[in-house]
C-alpha atoms as a PDB file:
ATOM      1  CA  UNK A   1      97.275  87.356  85.809  1.00  0.00           C
ATOM      2  CA  UNK A   2      93.805  86.382  84.608  1.00  0.00           C
ATOM      3  CA  UNK A   3      94.175  88.703  81.635  1.00  0.00           C
ATOM      4  CA  UNK A   4      97.667  87.381  80.839  1.00  0.00           C
ATOM      5  CA  UNK A   5      96.425  83.800  80.849  1.00  0.00           C
ATOM      6  CA  UNK A   6      94.042  84.637  78.010  1.00  0.00           C
ATOM      7  CA  UNK A   7      96.905  85.715  75.759  1.00  0.00           C
ATOM      8  CA  UNK A   8      99.007  83.216  73.851  1.00  0.00           C
ATOM      9  CA  UNK A   9     102.564  82.618  74.935  1.00  0.00           C
ATOM     10  CA  UNK A  10     103.963  84.635  71.994  1.00  0.00           C
ATOM     11  CA  UNK A  11     101.596  87.527  72.741  1.00  0.00           C
ATOM     12  CA  UNK A  12     102.689  87.543  76.381  1.00  0.00           C
ATOM     13  CA  UNK A  13     106.361  87.584  75.332  1.00  0.00           C
ATOM     14  CA  UNK A  14     105.706  90.485  72.905  1.00  0.00           C
ATOM     15  CA  UNK A  15     103.884  92.377  75.643  1.00  0.00           C
ATOM     16  CA  UNK A  16     106.817  91.860  78.013  1.00  0.00           C
ATOM     17  CA  UNK A  17     109.272  92.955  75.305  1.00  0.00           C
ATOM     18  CA  UNK A  18     107.335  96.207  74.930  1.00  0.00           C
ATOM     19  CA  UNK A  19     107.302  96.744  78.689  1.00  0.00           C
ATOM     20  CA  UNK A  20     111.047  96.167  78.932  1.00  0.00           C
ATOM     21  CA  UNK A  21     111.829  98.483  76.019  1.00  0.00           C
ATOM     22  CA  UNK A  22     109.715 101.242  77.617  1.00  0.00           C
ATOM     23  CA  UNK A  23     111.569 100.852  80.899  1.00  0.00           C
ATOM     24  CA  UNK A  24     114.912 101.013  79.061  1.00  0.00           C
ATOM     25  CA  UNK A  25     114.048 104.136  77.069  1.00  0.00           C
ATOM     26  CA  UNK A  26     116.926 106.106  78.658  1.00  0.00           C
ATOM     27  CA  UNK A  27     119.562 103.603  77.539  1.00  0.00           C
ATOM     28  CA  UNK A  28     121.725 104.849  74.630  1.00  0.00           C
ATOM     29  CA  UNK A  29     120.739 103.322  71.289  1.00  0.00           C
ATOM     30  CA  UNK A  30     124.080 101.556  70.716  1.00  0.00           C
ATOM     31  CA  UNK A  31     123.901  99.808  74.116  1.00  0.00           C
ATOM     32  CA  UNK A  32     120.250  98.927  73.570  1.00  0.00           C
ATOM     33  CA  UNK A  33     121.058  97.288  70.232  1.00  0.00           C
ATOM     34  CA  UNK A  34     123.828  95.285  71.872  1.00  0.00           C
ATOM     35  CA  UNK A  35     121.511  94.214  74.694  1.00  0.00           C
ATOM     36  CA  UNK A  36     118.677  93.081  72.413  1.00  0.00           C
ATOM     37  CA  UNK A  37     119.438  89.422  73.188  1.00  0.00           C
ATOM     38  CA  UNK A  38     119.256  90.118  76.929  1.00  0.00           C
ATOM     39  CA  UNK A  39     115.924  91.868  76.477  1.00  0.00           C
ATOM     40  CA  UNK A  40     114.505  88.851  74.630  1.00  0.00           C
ATOM     41  CA  UNK A  41     115.885  86.476  77.294  1.00  0.00           C
ATOM     42  CA  UNK A  42     114.322  88.548  80.066  1.00  0.00           C
ATOM     43  CA  UNK A  43     110.932  88.561  78.322  1.00  0.00           C
ATOM     44  CA  UNK A  44     111.036  84.811  77.720  1.00  0.00           C
ATOM     45  CA  UNK A  45     112.175  84.052  81.261  1.00  0.00           C
ATOM     46  CA  UNK A  46     109.424  86.181  82.788  1.00  0.00           C
ATOM     47  CA  UNK A  47     106.691  84.422  80.801  1.00  0.00           C
ATOM     48  CA  UNK A  48     108.211  81.018  81.574  1.00  0.00           C
ATOM     49  CA  UNK A  49     108.391  81.890  85.278  1.00  0.00           C
ATOM     50  CA  UNK A  50     104.724  82.923  85.259  1.00  0.00           C
ATOM     51  CA  UNK A  51     103.800  79.552  83.726  1.00  0.00           C
ATOM     52  CA  UNK A  52     105.917  77.642  86.238  1.00  0.00           C
ATOM     53  CA  UNK A  53     104.408  79.634  89.109  1.00  0.00           C
ATOM     54  CA  UNK A  54     100.907  78.747  87.902  1.00  0.00           C
ATOM     55  CA  UNK A  55     101.919  75.069  87.821  1.00  0.00           C
ATOM     56  CA  UNK A  56     103.446  75.280  91.304  1.00  0.00           C
ATOM     57  CA  UNK A  57     100.348  77.016  92.661  1.00  0.00           C
ATOM     58  CA  UNK A  58      98.148  74.287  91.211  1.00  0.00           C
ATOM     59  CA  UNK A  59     100.303  71.246  92.046  1.00  0.00           C
ATOM     60  CA  UNK A  60     102.629  72.332  94.861  1.00  0.00           C
ATOM     61  CA  UNK A  61     106.401  72.217  95.138  1.00  0.00           C
ATOM     62  CA  UNK A  62     106.731  68.615  96.313  1.00  0.00           C
ATOM     63  CA  UNK A  63     105.397  65.248  95.208  1.00  0.00           C
ATOM     64  CA  UNK A  64     105.150  61.782  96.692  1.00  0.00           C
ATOM     65  CA  UNK A  65     107.012  58.937  95.024  1.00  0.00           C
ATOM     66  CA  UNK A  66     107.715  55.325  95.766  1.00  0.00           C
ATOM     67  CA  UNK A  67     110.974  53.670  94.834  1.00  0.00           C
ATOM     68  CA  UNK A  68     109.585  50.297  93.836  1.00  0.00           C
ATOM     69  CA  UNK A  69     106.721  48.144  95.129  1.00  0.00           C
ATOM     70  CA  UNK A  70     106.529  47.844  98.885  1.00  0.00           C
ATOM     71  CA  UNK A  71     108.989  50.672  99.411  1.00  0.00           C
ATOM     72  CA  UNK A  72     108.137  53.455 101.789  1.00  0.00           C
ATOM     73  CA  UNK A  73     106.618  56.550 100.105  1.00  0.00           C
ATOM     74  CA  UNK A  74     108.933  59.539 100.073  1.00  0.00           C
ATOM     75  CA  UNK A  75     108.651  63.213  99.224  1.00  0.00           C
ATOM     76  CA  UNK A  76     110.776  65.044  96.674  1.00  0.00           C
ATOM     77  CA  UNK A  77     110.857  68.473  95.114  1.00  0.00           C
ATOM     78  CA  UNK A  78     108.964  68.603  91.823  1.00  0.00           C
ATOM     79  CA  UNK A  79     110.909  69.297  88.649  1.00  0.00           C
ATOM     80  CA  UNK A  80     108.839  72.460  88.067  1.00  0.00           C
ATOM     81  CA  UNK A  81     109.965  73.872  91.423  1.00  0.00           C
ATOM     82  CA  UNK A  82     113.624  73.090  90.715  1.00  0.00           C
ATOM     83  CA  UNK A  83     113.354  74.611  87.256  1.00  0.00           C
ATOM     84  CA  UNK A  84     111.638  77.695  88.716  1.00  0.00           C
ATOM     85  CA  UNK A  85     114.506  78.229  91.168  1.00  0.00           C
ATOM     86  CA  UNK A  86     117.123  77.971  88.423  1.00  0.00           C
ATOM     87  CA  UNK A  87     115.222  80.225  86.045  1.00  0.00           C
ATOM     88  CA  UNK A  88     114.614  82.789  88.789  1.00  0.00           C
ATOM     89  CA  UNK A  89     118.364  83.092  89.359  1.00  0.00           C
ATOM     90  CA  UNK A  90     118.928  83.524  85.623  1.00  0.00           C
ATOM     91  CA  UNK A  91     116.118  86.089  85.351  1.00  0.00           C
ATOM     92  CA  UNK A  92     117.540  88.069  88.267  1.00  0.00           C
ATOM     93  CA  UNK A  93     120.974  88.114  86.625  1.00  0.00           C
ATOM     94  CA  UNK A  94     119.580  89.266  83.265  1.00  0.00           C
ATOM     95  CA  UNK A  95     117.488  91.995  84.930  1.00  0.00           C
ATOM     96  CA  UNK A  96     120.522  93.220  86.844  1.00  0.00           C
ATOM     97  CA  UNK A  97     122.536  93.393  83.621  1.00  0.00           C
ATOM     98  CA  UNK A  98     119.750  95.357  81.941  1.00  0.00           C
ATOM     99  CA  UNK A  99     119.430  97.709  84.908  1.00  0.00           C
ATOM    100  CA  UNK A 100     123.171  98.382  84.739  1.00  0.00           C
ATOM    101  CA  UNK A 101     122.664  99.750  81.211  1.00  0.00           C
ATOM    102  CA  UNK A 102     120.504 102.606  82.479  1.00  0.00           C
ATOM    103  CA  UNK A 103     122.651 105.753  82.664  1.00  0.00           C
ATOM    104  CA  UNK A 104     123.449 107.291  86.035  1.00  0.00           C
ATOM    105  CA  UNK A 105     121.692 110.526  85.027  1.00  0.00           C
ATOM    106  CA  UNK A 106     118.338 108.705  84.697  1.00  0.00           C
ATOM    107  CA  UNK A 107     118.675 107.029  88.089  1.00  0.00           C
ATOM    108  CA  UNK A 108     119.918 110.257  89.684  1.00  0.00           C
ATOM    109  CA  UNK A 109     116.768 112.073  88.547  1.00  0.00           C
ATOM    110  CA  UNK A 110     114.619 109.398  90.128  1.00  0.00           C
ATOM    111  CA  UNK A 111     116.646 109.625  93.350  1.00  0.00           C
ATOM    112  CA  UNK A 112     116.281 113.431  93.423  1.00  0.00           C
ATOM    113  CA  UNK A 113     112.523 113.131  92.933  1.00  0.00           C
ATOM    114  CA  UNK A 114     112.369 110.519  95.684  1.00  0.00           C
ATOM    115  CA  UNK A 115     114.400 112.711  98.069  1.00  0.00           C
ATOM    116  CA  UNK A 116     112.147 115.704  97.341  1.00  0.00           C
ATOM    117  CA  UNK A 117     109.086 113.581  98.091  1.00  0.00           C
ATOM    118  CA  UNK A 118     110.567 112.392 101.394  1.00  0.00           C
ATOM    119  CA  UNK A 119     111.438 115.985 102.278  1.00  0.00           C
ATOM    120  CA  UNK A 120     107.842 117.109 101.681  1.00  0.00           C
ATOM    121  CA  UNK A 121     106.507 114.275 103.795  1.00  0.00           C
ATOM    122  CA  UNK A 122     108.880 115.130 106.617  1.00  0.00           C
ATOM    123  CA  UNK A 123     107.869 118.791 106.554  1.00  0.00           C
ATOM    124  CA  UNK A 124     104.208 117.815 106.772  1.00  0.00           C
ATOM    125  CA  UNK A 125     104.767 115.543 109.743  1.00  0.00           C
ATOM    126  CA  UNK A 126     107.269 117.799 111.463  1.00  0.00           C
ATOM    127  CA  UNK A 127     109.959 115.111 111.405  1.00  0.00           C
ATOM    128  CA  UNK A 128     113.503 115.692 110.251  1.00  0.00           C
ATOM    129  CA  UNK A 129     115.579 113.297 108.242  1.00  0.00           C
ATOM    130  CA  UNK A 130     118.488 111.814 110.146  1.00  0.00           C
ATOM    131  CA  UNK A 131     121.528 110.802 108.123  1.00  0.00           C
END
């Protein structure tokens, strides 16, 4: 993340947009156009999550507070940690929606390649795959 921190926020979002578009290259053009808003949301959320994670790493997830003078100090979850949790749920939902756009044929090819790789590994080790 050291390299990402050197980029401006807009540059990081543009970089993430490019990464997402490359990963969605198998999605039909009409669906991709419709999902453009989701792609932008996913890019924004990822950059925002990275920033929140940096803040949490630096300052922790909890903070001490005192409810008036003489009151006993208490611990509460920091706003950044609460916001991170909410945004993470939203990011996961958006990513799932984008992943659902990828046609079955593209995922089937990946599965076939994965199965062939496992088969080669099993032949080398003398193990058989149990279903």
